[in-house]
Each structure stands twice: as C-alpha cells, then as structure tokens.
Amino acid sequence: MTGILGLAGIVHFLRPETFDSIVPPRLGNPRFWTYASGVAELGCATMLAVPATRRLGGTASAALMVGVFPANIYTVKKHWHSPRGRAIALARLPLQVPLVWMSWNIAGGQAEASD
C-alpha cells in the first residue's frame, strides 16, 4: 500500500491532467482536487511507512479509497458511450475493494504496510 499510494501521489504532480479529467465537474477546480488527492496519497503513504503511525495511515488510506470512488463512478458515466472507455472505467470499480480491504487490515494491525 505504501508503494501504491506513494507512486500514485507522485504521478498526481507529474501528470495532473490525467487526474483532472476524472474530477466530477460539480466539485469545481479539477487541478485543486488533483493536487489535494496527491497530497493525501503521499500523506497516507508516509503514515503507512512509519510504524508509529501505520494504523492511522491504514484508516486514512481506507477513507481515501472510499472518498475517491465517486471519481471512478463519474469516469464510467463520462465514458459510457465509448465501449472501450466504458470497459476500462468499469474494470477499475472493483479494484477499490482490495485497496480498502488492505488499508482496513493495516488499520487493524492485521497486515503490514508493504503488503
């Protein structure tokens, strides 16, 4: 989880336009949300990497994974009329489940952050 979140957080700053495109318009400025979620991912990765904050990092990571789910739903709606885009967007939806599960296990002390 540490690596997944750390890499994703860095990519938010290196290629923000990719993430800007999946921010639901009703949230306002997409770049703000792209950077904010990148900071959140880097913060979660840091908490997971430090033993003293690992459980808090697991809880924060689980909340983050749930919090970004609406962007995944928006992406499905946005690409609904493109068979390829729709298939990719739909395939991403169930990927949140293991990420939430791994984060929640770390929060409960049942897994290491590097799992």
Protein backbone atom coordinates (compact mmCIF):
# COMPACT_ATOMS: atom_id res chain seq x y z
CA MET A 1 0.00 0.00 0.00
CA THR A 2 2.85 2.35 0.80
CA GLY A 3 4.29 1.95 -2.68
CA ILE A 4 0.94 2.14 -4.45
CA LEU A 5 -0.05 5.33 -2.65
CA GLY A 6 3.41 6.88 -2.88
CA LEU A 7 3.66 6.30 -6.61
CA ALA A 8 0.10 7.44 -7.25
CA GLY A 9 0.70 10.59 -5.20
CA ILE A 10 3.82 11.47 -7.20
CA VAL A 11 2.04 10.86 -10.52
CA HIS A 12 -0.68 13.34 -9.47
CA PHE A 13 2.01 16.03 -9.64
CA LEU A 14 3.89 14.75 -12.69
CA ARG A 15 0.80 14.18 -14.90
CA PRO A 16 -2.03 16.17 -13.29
CA GLU A 17 -4.07 16.44 -16.49
CA THR A 18 -4.77 12.69 -16.32
CA PHE A 19 -6.42 13.10 -12.94
CA ASP A 20 -8.04 16.46 -13.75
CA SER A 21 -10.14 14.68 -16.37
CA ILE A 22 -11.83 12.40 -13.82
CA VAL A 23 -12.78 15.05 -11.28
CA PRO A 24 -16.58 15.46 -11.33
CA PRO A 25 -17.34 18.99 -12.63
CA ARG A 26 -19.62 19.80 -9.69
CA LEU A 27 -16.55 19.75 -7.40
CA GLY A 28 -15.11 22.83 -9.09
CA ASN A 29 -11.45 23.37 -9.95
CA PRO A 30 -10.13 19.95 -11.04
CA ARG A 31 -6.46 20.86 -10.51
CA PHE A 32 -7.16 21.71 -6.87
CA TRP A 33 -8.67 18.25 -6.32
CA THR A 34 -5.89 16.55 -8.27
CA TYR A 35 -3.22 18.14 -6.10
CA ALA A 36 -5.23 17.68 -2.89
CA SER A 37 -5.67 13.97 -3.57
CA GLY A 38 -1.99 13.67 -4.47
CA VAL A 39 -1.04 15.25 -1.14
CA ALA A 40 -3.48 12.93 0.64
CA GLU A 41 -1.95 9.87 -1.05
CA LEU A 42 1.58 10.96 -0.17
CA GLY A 43 0.47 11.65 3.41
CA CYS A 44 -1.13 8.22 3.70
CA ALA A 45 1.98 6.56 2.23
CA THR A 46 4.15 8.37 4.75
CA MET A 47 1.93 7.34 7.68
CA LEU A 48 1.96 3.73 6.46
CA ALA A 49 5.75 3.75 6.23
CA VAL A 50 6.23 4.91 9.83
CA PRO A 51 5.49 2.18 12.40
CA ALA A 52 4.15 4.68 14.96
CA THR A 53 1.51 5.97 12.53
CA ARG A 54 0.88 2.82 10.48
CA ARG A 55 -2.58 2.08 11.90
CA LEU A 56 -3.71 5.68 11.50
CA GLY A 57 -2.33 5.54 7.95
CA GLY A 58 -4.40 2.42 7.30
CA THR A 59 -7.56 4.16 8.46
CA ALA A 60 -6.75 7.28 6.44
CA SER A 61 -5.95 5.17 3.36
CA ALA A 62 -9.23 3.26 3.61
CA ALA A 63 -11.12 6.56 3.91
CA LEU A 64 -9.21 7.97 0.93
CA MET A 65 -10.04 4.93 -1.21
CA VAL A 66 -13.73 5.33 -0.36
CA GLY A 67 -13.51 9.10 -0.89
CA VAL A 68 -12.14 8.87 -4.43
CA PHE A 69 -14.71 6.29 -5.50
CA PRO A 70 -17.12 8.97 -6.84
CA ALA A 71 -14.44 9.94 -9.38
CA ASN A 72 -14.46 6.35 -10.60
CA ILE A 73 -18.25 6.43 -10.92
CA TYR A 74 -18.02 9.75 -12.79
CA THR A 75 -15.47 8.21 -15.16
CA VAL A 76 -17.89 5.40 -16.01
CA LYS A 77 -20.64 7.94 -16.74
CA LYS A 78 -18.25 10.12 -18.75
CA HIS A 79 -17.14 7.22 -20.98
CA TRP A 80 -20.44 5.35 -21.14
CA HIS A 81 -20.87 5.87 -24.90
CA SER A 82 -17.37 4.61 -25.72
CA PRO A 83 -17.25 0.81 -25.47
CA ARG A 84 -13.51 0.75 -24.78
CA GLY A 85 -13.60 3.66 -22.32
CA ARG A 86 -16.62 2.20 -20.56
CA ALA A 87 -14.94 -1.21 -20.25
CA ILE A 88 -11.80 0.31 -18.74
CA ALA A 89 -13.77 2.51 -16.35
CA LEU A 90 -16.00 -0.37 -15.25
CA ALA A 91 -12.96 -2.61 -14.72
CA ARG A 92 -11.49 -0.03 -12.32
CA LEU A 93 -14.51 -0.03 -10.00
CA PRO A 94 -13.90 -3.39 -8.27
CA LEU A 95 -10.20 -2.56 -7.81
CA GLN A 96 -11.15 -0.22 -4.97
CA VAL A 97 -12.40 -3.17 -2.90
CA PRO A 98 -8.99 -4.82 -2.30
CA LEU A 99 -7.41 -1.41 -1.70
CA VAL A 100 -9.96 -0.60 1.00
CA TRP A 101 -9.61 -4.12 2.42
CA MET A 102 -5.79 -3.93 2.59
CA SER A 103 -5.93 -0.47 4.17
CA TRP A 104 -8.51 -1.59 6.73
CA ASN A 105 -6.38 -4.62 7.63
CA ILE A 106 -3.39 -2.35 8.21
CA ALA A 107 -5.56 -0.11 10.40
CA GLY A 108 -6.49 -3.16 12.47
CA GLY A 109 -2.88 -4.27 12.77
CA GLN A 110 -3.62 -7.40 10.72
CA ALA A 111 -1.22 -6.63 7.87
CA GLU A 112 1.97 -4.77 7.20
CA ALA A 113 2.00 -1.58 5.13
CA SER A 114 4.15 -3.23 2.49
CA ASP A 115 1.58 -5.99 1.73
